């Protein structure tokens, strides 16, 4: 799975993962992050999610990362704001103010981002990033992504949404993620707390049954 896969998905509007309203899991579980007003939240592989607007409306600054530029342009169009766009080598930064808060979104490969690019963040919100990545050879994208997230944010606390279902019956993305896999990716740095573990007859929009899960990840060293 490479950049072309996602660029084609957006070009063909095959974006069933996109939600035009704030995700209910974010709304219901956000307080578990225990953030002060004005905190800065990193949203990786953000697409044009309305969750960014919701976070800003709650009084927080947001920094996102997204591979597909048309998705980022669509995000700011949906907010009815005109961003400032600047080029930083192979990355592009979109910046705007919304609900009196700053929204910064980096366009490019998340593995090209540095901690200096995104700056200080207080928390991570991952609804559709980890589950979008396979973890098979030769790239092991999911494992690489988890390490990159830790390095970019100094293991900031994290609100993470995942699914678990029979992957043999439904090829990804999204991909099923077990608790054992989460421990492999994050267990060295984080304590994992389950906030939601619900079995649904249709956990995915295509009717696939499985478990809907929400996790709070706290840095062991903080």
C-alpha atoms as a PDB file:
ATOM      1  CA  UNK A   1       0.000   0.000   0.000  1.00  0.00           C
ATOM      2  CA  UNK A   2       1.592   3.251  -1.146  1.00  0.00           C
ATOM      3  CA  UNK A   3       0.777   6.925  -1.650  1.00  0.00           C
ATOM      4  CA  UNK A   4      -0.925   6.206  -4.978  1.00  0.00           C
ATOM      5  CA  UNK A   5      -3.506   3.995  -3.252  1.00  0.00           C
ATOM      6  CA  UNK A   6      -4.773   6.853  -1.069  1.00  0.00           C
ATOM      7  CA  UNK A   7      -4.494   9.482  -3.781  1.00  0.00           C
ATOM      8  CA  UNK A   8      -6.687   7.309  -5.991  1.00  0.00           C
ATOM      9  CA  UNK A   9      -9.195   6.768  -3.178  1.00  0.00           C
ATOM     10  CA  UNK A  10      -9.604  10.514  -2.726  1.00  0.00           C
ATOM     11  CA  UNK A  11      -9.647  11.205  -6.465  1.00  0.00           C
ATOM     12  CA  UNK A  12     -12.438   8.638  -6.946  1.00  0.00           C
ATOM     13  CA  UNK A  13     -14.266   9.784  -3.786  1.00  0.00           C
ATOM     14  CA  UNK A  14     -13.954   6.324  -2.247  1.00  0.00           C
ATOM     15  CA  UNK A  15     -13.796   7.819   1.225  1.00  0.00           C
ATOM     16  CA  UNK A  16     -16.316   5.868   3.246  1.00  0.00           C
ATOM     17  CA  UNK A  17     -14.134   6.502   6.287  1.00  0.00           C
ATOM     18  CA  UNK A  18     -14.896  10.227   6.109  1.00  0.00           C
ATOM     19  CA  UNK A  19     -17.567  11.502   8.496  1.00  0.00           C
ATOM     20  CA  UNK A  20     -19.223  14.908   7.953  1.00  0.00           C
ATOM     21  CA  UNK A  21     -19.791  15.363  11.693  1.00  0.00           C
ATOM     22  CA  UNK A  22     -17.652  14.916  14.786  1.00  0.00           C
ATOM     23  CA  UNK A  23     -17.111  11.276  15.698  1.00  0.00           C
ATOM     24  CA  UNK A  24     -19.284  10.179  18.667  1.00  0.00           C
ATOM     25  CA  UNK A  25     -16.359   8.275  20.203  1.00  0.00           C
ATOM     26  CA  UNK A  26     -14.313  11.474  20.262  1.00  0.00           C
ATOM     27  CA  UNK A  27     -17.155  13.392  21.890  1.00  0.00           C
ATOM     28  CA  UNK A  28     -17.849  10.680  24.483  1.00  0.00           C
ATOM     29  CA  UNK A  29     -14.236   9.883  25.410  1.00  0.00           C
ATOM     30  CA  UNK A  30     -12.381  13.153  24.894  1.00  0.00           C
ATOM     31  CA  UNK A  31     -12.461  14.177  28.558  1.00  0.00           C
ATOM     32  CA  UNK A  32     -10.318  11.148  29.411  1.00  0.00           C
ATOM     33  CA  UNK A  33      -7.356  13.052  27.946  1.00  0.00           C
ATOM     34  CA  UNK A  34      -7.697  15.580  30.784  1.00  0.00           C
ATOM     35  CA  UNK A  35      -6.489  18.501  28.714  1.00  0.00           C
ATOM     36  CA  UNK A  36      -6.429  22.129  29.763  1.00  0.00           C
ATOM     37  CA  UNK A  37      -8.078  24.689  27.521  1.00  0.00           C
ATOM     38  CA  UNK A  38      -5.733  25.809  24.783  1.00  0.00           C
ATOM     39  CA  UNK A  39      -3.911  22.477  24.561  1.00  0.00           C
ATOM     40  CA  UNK A  40      -2.490  21.433  21.205  1.00  0.00           C
ATOM     41  CA  UNK A  41      -3.654  18.152  19.678  1.00  0.00           C
ATOM     42  CA  UNK A  42      -2.031  16.167  16.869  1.00  0.00           C
ATOM     43  CA  UNK A  43      -4.374  14.422  14.411  1.00  0.00           C
ATOM     44  CA  UNK A  44      -2.355  12.092  12.127  1.00  0.00           C
ATOM     45  CA  UNK A  45      -3.585  11.080   8.659  1.00  0.00           C
ATOM     46  CA  UNK A  46      -6.455  13.470   9.241  1.00  0.00           C
ATOM     47  CA  UNK A  47      -8.075  13.663   5.798  1.00  0.00           C
ATOM     48  CA  UNK A  48     -10.763  16.336   5.942  1.00  0.00           C
ATOM     49  CA  UNK A  49     -12.251  15.173   9.225  1.00  0.00           C
ATOM     50  CA  UNK A  50     -14.717  17.444  11.000  1.00  0.00           C
ATOM     51  CA  UNK A  51     -13.144  16.229  14.246  1.00  0.00           C
ATOM     52  CA  UNK A  52     -10.548  18.971  13.756  1.00  0.00           C
ATOM     53  CA  UNK A  53     -13.259  21.634  13.782  1.00  0.00           C
ATOM     54  CA  UNK A  54     -14.841  20.063  16.862  1.00  0.00           C
ATOM     55  CA  UNK A  55     -11.524  20.116  18.726  1.00  0.00           C
ATOM     56  CA  UNK A  56     -11.033  23.779  17.871  1.00  0.00           C
ATOM     57  CA  UNK A  57     -14.574  24.552  18.988  1.00  0.00           C
ATOM     58  CA  UNK A  58     -13.753  22.982  22.365  1.00  0.00           C
ATOM     59  CA  UNK A  59     -10.961  25.537  22.763  1.00  0.00           C
ATOM     60  CA  UNK A  60      -7.939  23.583  21.520  1.00  0.00           C
ATOM     61  CA  UNK A  61      -5.306  24.176  18.861  1.00  0.00           C
ATOM     62  CA  UNK A  62      -4.853  21.424  16.299  1.00  0.00           C
ATOM     63  CA  UNK A  63      -1.996  20.209  14.136  1.00  0.00           C
ATOM     64  CA  UNK A  64      -2.700  17.552  11.523  1.00  0.00           C
ATOM     65  CA  UNK A  65      -0.821  15.510   8.948  1.00  0.00           C
ATOM     66  CA  UNK A  66      -2.248  14.243   5.680  1.00  0.00           C
ATOM     67  CA  UNK A  67      -0.786  12.729   2.525  1.00  0.00           C
ATOM     68  CA  UNK A  68      -3.408  13.945   0.022  1.00  0.00           C
ATOM     69  CA  UNK A  69      -3.494  17.690  -0.570  1.00  0.00           C
ATOM     70  CA  UNK A  70      -7.002  17.730  -2.022  1.00  0.00           C
ATOM     71  CA  UNK A  71      -8.280  16.352   1.288  1.00  0.00           C
ATOM     72  CA  UNK A  72      -6.619  19.184   3.198  1.00  0.00           C
ATOM     73  CA  UNK A  73      -7.969  21.780   0.792  1.00  0.00           C
ATOM     74  CA  UNK A  74     -11.406  20.239   1.284  1.00  0.00           C
ATOM     75  CA  UNK A  75     -11.038  20.501   5.044  1.00  0.00           C
ATOM     76  CA  UNK A  76     -10.447  24.245   4.982  1.00  0.00           C
ATOM     77  CA  UNK A  77     -13.184  24.737   2.385  1.00  0.00           C
ATOM     78  CA  UNK A  78     -15.603  22.970   4.711  1.00  0.00           C
ATOM     79  CA  UNK A  79     -14.609  25.355   7.501  1.00  0.00           C
ATOM     80  CA  UNK A  80     -15.135  28.381   5.224  1.00  0.00           C
ATOM     81  CA  UNK A  81     -11.677  29.713   5.987  1.00  0.00           C
ATOM     82  CA  UNK A  82      -8.837  30.599   3.633  1.00  0.00           C
ATOM     83  CA  UNK A  83      -5.560  29.081   4.804  1.00  0.00           C
ATOM     84  CA  UNK A  84      -2.069  30.463   4.446  1.00  0.00           C
ATOM     85  CA  UNK A  85      -0.032  27.944   2.446  1.00  0.00           C
ATOM     86  CA  UNK A  86       3.749  27.703   2.744  1.00  0.00           C
ATOM     87  CA  UNK A  87       6.259  25.271   1.306  1.00  0.00           C
ATOM     88  CA  UNK A  88       8.839  23.545   3.512  1.00  0.00           C
ATOM     89  CA  UNK A  89      11.017  21.417   1.225  1.00  0.00           C
ATOM     90  CA  UNK A  90       8.898  18.338   0.435  1.00  0.00           C
ATOM     91  CA  UNK A  91       6.138  19.298   2.882  1.00  0.00           C
ATOM     92  CA  UNK A  92       3.383  21.901   2.573  1.00  0.00           C
ATOM     93  CA  UNK A  93       1.855  23.674   5.565  1.00  0.00           C
ATOM     94  CA  UNK A  94      -1.741  24.902   5.614  1.00  0.00           C
ATOM     95  CA  UNK A  95      -2.492  27.316   8.471  1.00  0.00           C
ATOM     96  CA  UNK A  96      -5.684  29.113   9.474  1.00  0.00           C
ATOM     97  CA  UNK A  97      -7.594  30.373  12.479  1.00  0.00           C
ATOM     98  CA  UNK A  98     -10.931  28.752  13.262  1.00  0.00           C
ATOM     99  CA  UNK A  99     -13.108  29.289  16.344  1.00  0.00           C
ATOM    100  CA  UNK A 100     -10.289  31.545  17.596  1.00  0.00           C
ATOM    101  CA  UNK A 101      -7.857  28.630  17.575  1.00  0.00           C
ATOM    102  CA  UNK A 102      -4.954  27.706  15.311  1.00  0.00           C
ATOM    103  CA  UNK A 103      -5.240  24.860  12.851  1.00  0.00           C
ATOM    104  CA  UNK A 104      -2.050  23.686  11.122  1.00  0.00           C
ATOM    105  CA  UNK A 105      -2.083  20.790   8.684  1.00  0.00           C
ATOM    106  CA  UNK A 106       1.067  19.380   7.094  1.00  0.00           C
ATOM    107  CA  UNK A 107       0.675  17.851   3.648  1.00  0.00           C
ATOM    108  CA  UNK A 108       3.097  15.086   2.758  1.00  0.00           C
ATOM    109  CA  UNK A 109       4.464  11.777   3.961  1.00  0.00           C
ATOM    110  CA  UNK A 110       4.137  11.533   7.741  1.00  0.00           C
ATOM    111  CA  UNK A 111       7.523   9.819   7.837  1.00  0.00           C
ATOM    112  CA  UNK A 112       9.073  13.023   6.479  1.00  0.00           C
ATOM    113  CA  UNK A 113       7.738  15.056   9.403  1.00  0.00           C
ATOM    114  CA  UNK A 114       9.961  15.981  12.323  1.00  0.00           C
ATOM    115  CA  UNK A 115       9.201  17.033  15.862  1.00  0.00           C
ATOM    116  CA  UNK A 116      10.395  20.510  14.895  1.00  0.00           C
ATOM    117  CA  UNK A 117       7.780  20.625  12.132  1.00  0.00           C
ATOM    118  CA  UNK A 118       4.795  19.878  14.306  1.00  0.00           C
ATOM    119  CA  UNK A 119       6.027  21.583  17.479  1.00  0.00           C
ATOM    120  CA  UNK A 120       4.917  20.857  21.009  1.00  0.00           C
ATOM    121  CA  UNK A 121       1.721  18.829  21.319  1.00  0.00           C
ATOM    122  CA  UNK A 122      -0.172  17.801  24.424  1.00  0.00           C
ATOM    123  CA  UNK A 123      -2.102  14.851  23.018  1.00  0.00           C
ATOM    124  CA  UNK A 124      -2.768  12.703  19.961  1.00  0.00           C
ATOM    125  CA  UNK A 125      -6.160  11.794  18.552  1.00  0.00           C
ATOM    126  CA  UNK A 126      -6.036   8.812  16.185  1.00  0.00           C
ATOM    127  CA  UNK A 127      -9.382   7.711  14.773  1.00  0.00           C
ATOM    128  CA  UNK A 128      -8.513   6.495  11.292  1.00  0.00           C
ATOM    129  CA  UNK A 129      -4.729   6.370  10.998  1.00  0.00           C
ATOM    130  CA  UNK A 130      -3.438   3.225  12.703  1.00  0.00           C
ATOM    131  CA  UNK A 131      -6.356   1.159  11.399  1.00  0.00           C
ATOM    132  CA  UNK A 132      -5.626   2.333   7.833  1.00  0.00           C
ATOM    133  CA  UNK A 133      -2.138   0.829   7.784  1.00  0.00           C
ATOM    134  CA  UNK A 134      -1.108  -2.776   7.129  1.00  0.00           C
ATOM    135  CA  UNK A 135       1.650  -4.362   9.175  1.00  0.00           C
ATOM    136  CA  UNK A 136       3.081  -6.912   6.778  1.00  0.00           C
ATOM    137  CA  UNK A 137       6.505  -7.180   5.196  1.00  0.00           C
ATOM    138  CA  UNK A 138       8.407  -5.593   3.606  1.00  0.00           C
ATOM    139  CA  UNK A 139       7.331  -2.214   5.000  1.00  0.00           C
ATOM    140  CA  UNK A 140       5.610  -2.955   8.329  1.00  0.00           C
ATOM    141  CA  UNK A 141       3.895   0.410   7.997  1.00  0.00           C
ATOM    142  CA  UNK A 142       1.874   0.170  11.193  1.00  0.00           C
ATOM    143  CA  UNK A 143       4.912  -0.532  13.350  1.00  0.00           C
ATOM    144  CA  UNK A 144       6.875   2.263  11.648  1.00  0.00           C
ATOM    145  CA  UNK A 145       3.957   4.646  12.121  1.00  0.00           C
ATOM    146  CA  UNK A 146       3.687   3.895  15.839  1.00  0.00           C
ATOM    147  CA  UNK A 147       7.399   4.565  16.323  1.00  0.00           C
ATOM    148  CA  UNK A 148       7.152   7.778  14.317  1.00  0.00           C
ATOM    149  CA  UNK A 149       4.218   8.999  16.404  1.00  0.00           C
ATOM    150  CA  UNK A 150       6.167   8.391  19.610  1.00  0.00           C
ATOM    151  CA  UNK A 151       9.200  10.215  18.233  1.00  0.00           C
ATOM    152  CA  UNK A 152       7.215  13.167  16.873  1.00  0.00           C
ATOM    153  CA  UNK A 153       5.298  13.813  20.074  1.00  0.00           C
ATOM    154  CA  UNK A 154       7.611  12.578  22.824  1.00  0.00           C
ATOM    155  CA  UNK A 155       4.982   9.914  23.576  1.00  0.00           C
ATOM    156  CA  UNK A 156       2.157  12.365  24.193  1.00  0.00           C
ATOM    157  CA  UNK A 157      -0.975  10.828  25.659  1.00  0.00           C
ATOM    158  CA  UNK A 158      -3.266   9.404  23.034  1.00  0.00           C
ATOM    159  CA  UNK A 159      -6.934   8.767  22.351  1.00  0.00           C
ATOM    160  CA  UNK A 160      -7.000   5.858  19.894  1.00  0.00           C
ATOM    161  CA  UNK A 161      -9.954   4.298  18.057  1.00  0.00           C
ATOM    162  CA  UNK A 162      -9.547   0.754  16.687  1.00  0.00           C
ATOM    163  CA  UNK A 163     -11.552  -2.227  15.474  1.00  0.00           C
ATOM    164  CA  UNK A 164     -11.147  -5.966  15.903  1.00  0.00           C
ATOM    165  CA  UNK A 165     -12.858  -8.344  13.500  1.00  0.00           C
ATOM    166  CA  UNK A 166     -12.145 -11.384  11.347  1.00  0.00           C
ATOM    167  CA  UNK A 167      -9.605  -9.978   8.911  1.00  0.00           C
ATOM    168  CA  UNK A 168      -9.816 -13.106   6.740  1.00  0.00           C
ATOM    169  CA  UNK A 169     -13.432 -12.294   6.012  1.00  0.00           C
ATOM    170  CA  UNK A 170     -12.793  -8.652   5.212  1.00  0.00           C
ATOM    171  CA  UNK A 171      -9.528  -7.384   3.684  1.00  0.00           C
ATOM    172  CA  UNK A 172      -8.393  -3.961   4.778  1.00  0.00           C
ATOM    173  CA  UNK A 173      -8.302  -1.118   5.024  1.00  0.00           C
ATOM    174  CA  UNK A 174      -9.464  -0.666   7.688  1.00  0.00           C
ATOM    175  CA  UNK A 175      -7.429  -3.334   9.416  1.00  0.00           C
ATOM    176  CA  UNK A 176      -8.279  -5.286  12.536  1.00  0.00           C
ATOM    177  CA  UNK A 177      -5.966  -4.604  15.469  1.00  0.00           C
ATOM    178  CA  UNK A 178      -5.749  -6.890  18.498  1.00  0.00           C
ATOM    179  CA  UNK A 179      -4.761  -5.866  21.994  1.00  0.00           C
ATOM    180  CA  UNK A 180      -1.638  -7.999  21.612  1.00  0.00           C
ATOM    181  CA  UNK A 181      -0.648  -5.979  18.552  1.00  0.00           C
ATOM    182  CA  UNK A 182      -1.265  -2.717  20.399  1.00  0.00           C
ATOM    183  CA  UNK A 183       0.994  -3.887  23.193  1.00  0.00           C
ATOM    184  CA  UNK A 184       3.677  -4.649  20.618  1.00  0.00           C
ATOM    185  CA  UNK A 185       3.409  -1.192  19.053  1.00  0.00           C
ATOM    186  CA  UNK A 186       2.943   0.920  22.155  1.00  0.00           C
ATOM    187  CA  UNK A 187       3.466  -1.177  25.290  1.00  0.00           C
ATOM    188  CA  UNK A 188       7.068  -0.108  25.854  1.00  0.00           C
ATOM    189  CA  UNK A 189       6.089   3.540  26.193  1.00  0.00           C
ATOM    190  CA  UNK A 190       2.419   3.560  27.159  1.00  0.00           C
ATOM    191  CA  UNK A 191      -0.033   2.173  29.651  1.00  0.00           C
ATOM    192  CA  UNK A 192      -3.136   1.079  27.709  1.00  0.00           C
ATOM    193  CA  UNK A 193      -6.539   1.709  29.239  1.00  0.00           C
ATOM    194  CA  UNK A 194      -9.705   0.464  27.548  1.00  0.00           C
ATOM    195  CA  UNK A 195     -12.411   3.140  27.378  1.00  0.00           C
ATOM    196  CA  UNK A 196     -14.783   1.231  25.099  1.00  0.00           C
ATOM    197  CA  UNK A 197     -15.041  -2.414  24.071  1.00  0.00           C
ATOM    198  CA  UNK A 198     -18.361  -3.075  22.368  1.00  0.00           C
ATOM    199  CA  UNK A 199     -19.351  -5.917  20.034  1.00  0.00           C
ATOM    200  CA  UNK A 200     -21.467  -4.734  17.113  1.00  0.00           C
ATOM    201  CA  UNK A 201     -23.227  -6.727  14.422  1.00  0.00           C
ATOM    202  CA  UNK A 202     -21.979  -4.080  11.969  1.00  0.00           C
ATOM    203  CA  UNK A 203     -18.793  -2.559  13.346  1.00  0.00           C
ATOM    204  CA  UNK A 204     -17.848  -1.414   9.830  1.00  0.00           C
ATOM    205  CA  UNK A 205     -20.119   0.334   7.358  1.00  0.00           C
ATOM    206  CA  UNK A 206     -20.192  -2.683   5.051  1.00  0.00           C
ATOM    207  CA  UNK A 207     -21.848  -4.750   7.798  1.00  0.00           C
ATOM    208  CA  UNK A 208     -18.768  -6.582   9.070  1.00  0.00           C
ATOM    209  CA  UNK A 209     -19.343  -7.694  12.686  1.00  0.00           C
ATOM    210  CA  UNK A 210     -16.719  -7.145  15.349  1.00  0.00           C
ATOM    211  CA  UNK A 211     -15.554  -5.046  18.265  1.00  0.00           C
ATOM    212  CA  UNK A 212     -15.438  -1.275  18.448  1.00  0.00           C
ATOM    213  CA  UNK A 213     -12.647  -0.165  20.760  1.00  0.00           C
ATOM    214  CA  UNK A 214     -11.406   3.102  22.195  1.00  0.00           C
ATOM    215  CA  UNK A 215      -8.114   3.306  24.080  1.00  0.00           C
ATOM    216  CA  UNK A 216      -6.430   5.847  26.290  1.00  0.00           C
ATOM    217  CA  UNK A 217      -2.644   5.625  26.073  1.00  0.00           C
ATOM    218  CA  UNK A 218      -0.660   7.267  28.877  1.00  0.00           C
ATOM    219  CA  UNK A 219       3.100   7.629  28.740  1.00  0.00           C
ATOM    220  CA  UNK A 220       4.684   5.376  31.362  1.00  0.00           C
ATOM    221  CA  UNK A 221       7.365   7.964  32.042  1.00  0.00           C
ATOM    222  CA  UNK A 222       5.045  10.896  32.747  1.00  0.00           C
END
